[in-house]
Amino acid sequence: MTQREILLALIELYNKGKSMIKSKEVADMIGKDEGTVRNVIISLKVLGLVESKPGPNGGYMPTLKAFEYIRNPSVVPVYDKLSIYRNGIETDIKVSNIEILDITNPKGNRVLLKVTGDIGKLRIGETIRIGPTPYSRLVVEGLIMHIDEVRKEIIIDVSRMVSIPKERIGNLLSRKLITVKGDMSIMDVASTFYREAIRGAPVVNNDGKLVGIITTADIMKAFYERKFDAKVEDFMRTNVITITEDEDIFDAIRKMIANEVGRLLVVSNSNSLVGIITRTDILRRIAGLEGSWAI
């Protein structure tokens, strides 16, 4: 209800002046503490209902999704199918609402979860994960601090909270890519890897179509078998994990995790090789995720 009250006030103020709104203006309008208003607005940003601009001329403004919500409350993100994960395993406990409590507290960042299901299975001190949420694609992970079985509420101390952006792979990929041909010798490819300081390369045919991939591990296998005159096609792998330019960052993350790889080759709809996307490329795009996401 507090989120709705603040959002309604923000929309009303914005409609009057069509300019960025300060948190103090909202606080004065509804008679609440400005710090509380700022904290709630942060949660509204996570839901994609509010945008912000820093600086003296900055402030907050409602998004188109916020106006849609006011016209039809059913469009607001609903987490009725969002599961809680414990030790990486999905539970039958579902989250119906996520509320950020004290994101500005330097000693901790806590989130209140409204849930359904048997929360008696959970224990204080356990680490749980929620997300990605359907709309903002928010992932929240933290330690259970409090369980209220009567009110069906859980408070967690957040250790990680990130939102996976919606971004085409084509906007992130690196098009500077070293390729090799299937008829090249293993020795020549080893020299290329050493010279270019790389650990793998896609294998393409004369038409530029992707046919496989070869890595330092494949070269080591050839050397171990003392097949120094072997060709790339003899040791390359043909089960290449690829992604298309029009797919999304989220799709790339899922593929990397499922296949336990740190890079994906990017192909066109006709299977022509156009570039590569790496874990580092994605981490650079997702602020705050470095060091907290292991693939």
Foldseek 3Di string as FASTA:
>chain_A
DVLVLLLVLQAVVCVVPVAADALVSSCVVVVHDSLQSVQSVVVCVLQVQKDWDDDPRIHIHGDPLSVVCVVPVVSRFFFQPKFKAFPNHTDPKTFGDKGWDCCPDPVFTKIKTQIDDDCVVDDFQTKIWIALGDRQGKIWIFTWHDADRVRRMTMGTTPDIFGQDWDFQLVQFDQPFDAAEQQAFLVVVVVVCVVVVHFKHFYAYPVQATQFIDGVVQSVVCVVVVVRRDTNNVRTGRPAAAAERGDTPVVVVVSCVVVVHFKHFYAYPVRHTRGMDGVVSSCVVIPPCPPPDDD
